Protein backbone atom coordinates (compact mmCIF):
# COMPACT_ATOMS: atom_id res chain seq x y z
CA MET A 1 -2.19 9.92 18.27
CA GLU A 2 1.19 9.95 19.99
CA SER A 3 1.29 6.33 20.63
CA LEU A 4 0.43 5.74 16.95
CA ARG A 5 3.42 7.86 15.85
CA PHE A 6 5.65 6.17 18.36
CA HIS A 7 4.51 2.80 17.09
CA THR A 8 5.15 3.82 13.41
CA VAL A 9 8.61 4.89 14.20
CA MET A 10 9.45 1.70 16.07
CA VAL A 11 8.30 -0.44 13.22
CA SER A 12 10.51 1.73 10.77
CA MET A 13 13.55 1.18 13.02
CA GLU A 14 12.89 -2.60 13.24
CA ALA A 15 12.71 -2.89 9.54
CA SER A 16 16.33 -2.05 9.14
CA HIS A 17 17.65 -4.84 11.47
CA GLY A 18 17.53 -8.60 10.87
CA THR A 19 14.98 -8.49 8.12
CA TRP A 20 15.20 -10.63 4.87
CA ALA A 21 14.40 -10.07 1.26
CA VAL A 22 13.57 -12.11 -1.73
CA LYS A 23 16.32 -12.51 -4.44
CA ASP A 24 15.27 -10.34 -7.34
CA GLY A 25 12.49 -8.51 -5.36
CA ASN A 26 9.90 -9.14 -2.71
CA PHE A 27 7.24 -8.59 -5.39
CA ARG A 28 8.00 -12.18 -6.35
CA ILE A 29 6.02 -13.36 -3.37
CA PHE A 30 2.79 -11.94 -4.69
CA GLU A 31 3.72 -12.75 -8.16
CA GLU A 32 3.75 -16.38 -7.14
CA PHE A 33 0.53 -16.00 -5.35
CA ALA A 34 -1.15 -15.14 -8.76
CA ILE A 35 0.70 -17.80 -10.71
CA ARG A 36 -0.04 -20.64 -8.31
CA SER A 37 -3.73 -19.69 -7.88
CA LYS A 38 -4.01 -20.18 -11.83
CA ALA A 39 -5.74 -16.81 -12.08
CA ASN A 40 -6.00 -15.13 -15.32
CA VAL A 41 -3.58 -12.07 -14.54
CA LEU A 42 -3.96 -9.20 -16.84
CA LEU A 43 -1.13 -6.81 -16.10
CA ASN A 44 -1.03 -3.27 -17.43
CA THR A 45 -4.86 -3.33 -17.87
CA LYS A 46 -6.61 -0.36 -16.33
CA VAL A 47 -10.23 -0.77 -15.35
CA ILE A 48 -12.21 2.32 -16.01
CA SER A 49 -15.73 1.38 -14.88
CA VAL A 50 -17.68 -1.30 -12.90
CA SER A 51 -21.41 -1.59 -13.47
CA ASN A 52 -24.17 -3.76 -11.96
CA ILE A 53 -26.05 -5.86 -14.40
CA THR A 54 -28.63 -8.57 -14.16
CA GLU A 55 -28.61 -11.82 -16.06
CA PHE A 56 -30.85 -14.89 -16.01
CA ASP A 57 -30.05 -18.45 -15.31
CA SER A 58 -31.46 -21.56 -17.09
CA PHE A 59 -34.49 -21.58 -14.71
CA GLY A 60 -35.28 -17.89 -15.65
CA ASN A 61 -34.02 -16.47 -12.03
CA ASP A 62 -32.39 -13.17 -12.18
CA VAL A 63 -28.62 -13.27 -11.16
CA HIS A 64 -26.75 -10.29 -10.28
CA LYS A 65 -23.15 -9.70 -11.83
CA TYR A 66 -20.78 -7.08 -12.83
CA ALA A 67 -19.74 -5.70 -16.05
CA VAL A 68 -15.98 -4.52 -15.87
CA GLU A 69 -14.74 -2.17 -18.64
CA THR A 70 -11.08 -1.73 -19.39
CA GLU A 71 -9.45 1.36 -21.13
CA ASP A 72 -9.06 -0.74 -24.22
CA GLY A 73 -12.84 -0.88 -24.62
CA ILE A 74 -13.09 -4.60 -23.68
CA ILE A 75 -16.12 -5.63 -21.20
CA GLN A 76 -16.07 -8.53 -19.23
CA VAL A 77 -18.72 -9.98 -16.85
CA PHE A 78 -17.99 -11.42 -13.43
CA ASP A 79 -19.81 -12.87 -10.57
CA GLU A 80 -17.86 -10.89 -8.02
CA VAL A 81 -15.58 -7.88 -7.91
CA VAL A 82 -12.95 -7.08 -5.33
CA LEU A 83 -11.69 -3.66 -5.43
CA ALA A 84 -8.01 -3.79 -4.10
CA ALA A 85 -6.83 -0.30 -5.25
CA PRO A 86 -7.91 2.73 -2.96
CA LEU A 87 -10.95 4.60 -4.06
CA ARG A 88 -9.05 7.86 -3.75
CA PHE A 89 -6.81 6.93 -6.80
CA SER A 90 -8.52 4.18 -8.73
CA ASP A 91 -10.43 6.50 -11.01
CA ILE A 92 -12.94 3.75 -11.53
CA VAL A 93 -16.41 4.89 -12.29
CA LEU A 94 -18.80 2.84 -10.17
CA SER A 95 -22.64 2.42 -10.64
CA PHE A 96 -23.20 4.21 -7.42
CA PRO A 97 -21.71 7.44 -5.89
CA ALA A 98 -18.62 6.69 -3.77
CA GLN A 99 -17.09 10.24 -3.65
CA HIS A 100 -17.65 10.72 -0.03
CA TYR A 101 -15.45 7.73 0.74
CA LYS A 102 -12.37 9.31 -0.58
CA ARG A 103 -9.78 10.83 1.74
CA ASP A 104 -6.46 12.16 1.43
CA TYR A 105 -3.45 9.84 1.60
CA HIS A 106 0.11 10.47 3.05
CA THR A 107 2.79 10.88 0.29
CA VAL A 108 6.01 8.92 1.09
CA HIS A 109 9.28 10.31 -0.45
CA VAL A 110 12.10 7.68 -0.57
CA THR A 111 15.49 8.41 -2.07
CA LEU A 112 18.20 5.78 -2.66
CA VAL A 113 21.83 7.02 -2.92
CA SER A 114 24.99 5.22 -3.75
CA GLY A 115 28.16 7.17 -2.72
CA HIS A 116 29.88 8.36 0.47
CA ALA A 117 28.12 10.07 3.18
CA ASN A 118 29.44 13.52 4.44
CA PRO A 119 30.49 12.95 8.15
CA ASN A 120 31.01 16.73 8.55
CA TYR A 121 27.25 17.30 7.87
CA PHE A 122 26.45 15.03 10.90
CA GLY A 123 29.22 16.62 13.22
CA ARG A 124 31.58 13.68 12.87
CA SER A 125 35.18 13.92 11.64
CA ASP A 126 35.42 10.38 10.06
CA ILE A 127 33.02 8.43 8.04
CA GLU A 128 33.91 5.40 10.08
CA LYS A 129 32.14 7.10 13.13
CA LEU A 130 28.90 7.80 11.31
CA PRO A 131 25.93 5.73 12.60
CA VAL A 132 24.41 3.36 9.94
CA PHE A 133 20.91 4.47 11.12
CA ILE A 134 19.91 7.99 11.94
CA VAL A 135 16.43 9.16 13.04
CA THR A 136 15.45 12.88 13.11
CA THR A 137 13.03 14.33 15.74
CA GLY A 138 9.72 16.05 15.36
CA TYR A 139 7.97 19.01 16.93
CA PRO A 140 9.02 20.99 18.83
CA LEU A 141 12.59 20.18 18.54
CA ALA A 142 12.42 20.28 14.71
CA GLN A 143 12.53 24.05 15.17
CA ASN A 144 16.27 23.68 15.51
CA PHE A 145 16.55 22.77 11.97
CA PRO A 146 16.53 25.35 9.00
CA ASP A 147 12.93 26.33 8.15
CA GLY A 148 11.76 24.30 11.15
CA GLN A 149 11.59 21.02 9.30
CA ALA A 150 14.19 18.14 9.28
CA PRO A 151 15.83 17.40 5.85
CA PHE A 152 14.93 13.81 6.32
CA GLU A 153 13.18 11.35 8.71
CA THR A 154 15.42 8.43 8.46
CA PHE A 155 18.90 8.03 7.01
CA SER A 156 20.06 4.42 6.92
CA VAL A 157 22.84 2.48 5.34
CA HIS A 158 21.56 -0.65 3.76
CA ARG A 159 24.72 -2.04 1.86
CA ILE A 160 28.43 -1.51 1.60
CA LEU A 161 29.91 -1.94 -1.74
CA GLU A 162 33.22 -3.36 -2.85
CA ASN A 163 34.40 0.07 -3.89
CA GLY A 164 33.73 1.43 -0.18
CA GLU A 165 30.48 3.26 -1.15
CA THR A 166 27.36 2.72 0.79
CA VAL A 167 23.69 2.43 -0.38
CA VAL A 168 21.71 4.74 1.65
CA LYS A 169 17.85 4.94 1.91
CA ILE A 170 16.33 8.20 2.95
CA PHE A 171 12.80 8.87 4.08
CA SER A 172 11.97 12.63 3.76
CA PRO A 173 9.01 14.88 4.31
CA ASN A 174 9.62 16.20 0.71
CA LYS A 175 11.60 15.30 -2.27
CA PRO A 176 15.23 16.33 -1.51
CA ASP A 177 16.70 18.71 -4.18
CA GLU A 178 20.38 18.46 -5.46
CA LYS A 179 21.69 20.98 -3.02
CA GLN A 180 20.43 19.00 0.06
CA LEU A 181 21.96 15.75 -1.41
CA ASP A 182 25.24 17.49 -2.17
CA GLN A 183 25.33 18.40 1.50
CA LEU A 184 24.48 14.90 2.80
CA PHE A 185 27.11 13.30 0.40
CA LEU A 186 30.63 13.87 -0.56
CA ASN A 187 30.01 12.04 -3.72
CA ARG A 188 26.98 10.29 -5.49
CA THR A 189 27.50 7.73 -8.24
CA TRP A 190 23.74 6.80 -8.41
CA THR A 191 20.48 8.28 -7.08
CA TYR A 192 17.04 7.03 -7.45
CA TYR A 193 13.90 8.71 -6.29
CA LYS A 194 10.43 7.43 -5.58
CA GLU A 195 7.31 8.79 -4.21
CA TRP A 196 3.77 7.12 -3.53
CA GLN A 197 0.66 7.77 -1.60
CA ALA A 198 1.33 4.84 1.04
CA PHE A 199 -1.64 5.33 3.42
CA PRO A 200 -4.56 7.34 4.49
CA GLN A 201 -3.97 10.45 6.47
CA LEU A 202 -4.41 9.49 10.11
CA TYR A 203 -5.65 12.14 12.35
CA PRO A 204 -8.07 12.17 15.38
CA VAL A 205 -11.65 13.09 14.57
CA GLU A 206 -14.75 12.85 16.61
CA ASP A 207 -16.88 11.32 13.62
CA MET A 208 -15.21 9.77 10.75
CA ASP A 209 -17.06 8.32 7.87
CA PHE A 210 -15.50 4.89 7.16
CA PRO A 211 -16.31 3.22 3.99
CA SER A 212 -17.98 -0.07 4.27
CA PHE A 213 -16.23 -3.46 3.45
CA ILE A 214 -18.95 -4.09 0.95
CA LEU A 215 -19.60 -1.05 -1.31
CA LYS A 216 -23.40 -0.94 -2.14
CA ALA A 217 -25.81 1.19 -4.03
CA ASN A 218 -28.30 0.76 -1.42
CA GLU A 219 -28.00 -0.82 2.06
CA GLN A 220 -30.83 -3.12 1.34
CA ASP A 221 -28.96 -4.68 -1.48
CA GLU A 222 -27.72 -8.20 -1.02
CA PHE A 223 -24.92 -7.77 -3.36
CA GLY A 224 -21.97 -5.32 -3.46
CA ILE A 225 -18.28 -4.73 -4.46
CA VAL A 226 -15.86 -6.13 -1.80
CA TYR A 227 -13.52 -3.27 -0.75
CA PRO A 228 -10.62 -4.54 1.47
CA GLY A 229 -9.16 -1.04 1.53
CA SER A 230 -11.74 0.25 3.85
CA PHE A 231 -9.62 -1.09 6.56
CA GLU A 232 -6.91 1.26 5.75
CA ASN A 233 -8.75 4.29 7.20
CA PHE A 234 -8.22 2.50 10.50
CA VAL A 235 -4.77 1.30 10.26
CA SER A 236 -2.55 0.87 7.10
CA THR A 237 0.15 -1.92 7.02
CA MET A 238 0.88 -4.92 4.89
CA GLU A 239 -0.08 -7.27 7.70
CA THR A 240 -3.35 -5.64 8.39
CA GLN A 241 -4.23 -5.66 4.76
CA THR A 242 -3.40 -9.40 4.61
CA ILE A 243 -5.96 -9.84 7.25
CA SER A 244 -8.31 -7.57 5.24
CA GLY A 245 -7.80 -9.87 2.15
CA LYS A 246 -8.33 -12.98 4.09
CA ASN A 247 -11.79 -11.38 5.32
CA ALA A 248 -12.65 -10.79 1.67
CA ALA A 249 -12.04 -14.22 0.89
CA ARG A 250 -13.94 -15.47 3.83
CA LEU A 251 -17.14 -13.39 2.76
CA LEU A 252 -16.91 -14.63 -0.75
CA HIS A 253 -16.60 -18.22 0.58
CA GLU A 254 -19.58 -17.94 2.77
CA LYS A 255 -21.54 -16.43 -0.01
CA TRP A 256 -20.88 -19.15 -2.60
CA CYS A 257 -20.91 -21.93 -0.28
CA SER A 258 -23.99 -21.29 1.84
CA LYS A 259 -25.92 -23.89 -0.16
CA ASN A 260 -23.07 -25.89 -1.66
CA ILE A 261 -22.51 -29.09 0.15
CA HIS A 262 -19.17 -29.64 -1.92
CA CYS A 263 -17.49 -26.65 -0.36
CA LYS A 264 -14.88 -27.36 2.28
CA LYS A 265 -14.55 -25.28 5.40
CA PHE A 266 -12.74 -21.90 4.91
CA GLY A 267 -9.02 -22.39 5.53
CA ASP A 268 -9.09 -25.99 4.41
CA GLY A 269 -9.13 -25.29 0.75
CA TRP A 270 -11.56 -23.71 -1.68
CA GLY A 271 -13.26 -26.94 -2.67
CA ASP A 272 -15.54 -27.21 -5.68
CA TYR A 273 -17.98 -24.45 -6.59
């Protein structure tokens, strides 16, 4: 567990040096993925239920499909379903119980501040001598902080503005209040706060019930909902979720192309289905 924490800290430190960003926001990468795939993207459309249904093909053979209902009351039928949202927060009603797959997630608190940091708070007399990246310590040295907890985990300068102010990103165990921010900064011209459930709580256990990559009503079923989020219970990063997404695509490719001679080898293109 200690090595996991160390690895997480090192990744966080690396992210502040030599990294790149896409103009207008990194979300444009994933936006382009959707646009170039020519998928029918329905934003701001909440799915409330996914149900197993059976239809019949032109030969009278039964074919398993899924009925997906959105909160506007529209129901659409799909051949396959990939659940990319965590079960813990999706609130999607499935046609089989999945409650025992839910687990607590770690809440990340991020505060962005534009202003002048207070060098006296960090024991410095001059703001010029203030480090651009500060990391606090954990147990047991955290006892030296008031209430036994550091006010933040990382305090990093991301940009220096033309007026001399800096844009600082703060990761903290809880949402910082106005008093804490006033202690950290001489002045603040802009403050933005964001919190989200970033990843499952990672803790050592002897017997952990990991959800399957394919969620099924019965293990004997040949069909099920593809759930890439199951990998998050083991490790949760953008890189590993990319691998998980590729595995989801591979499984669907193998399923659809097992008897289709027109399909290309996975990785060479999707081919014709």
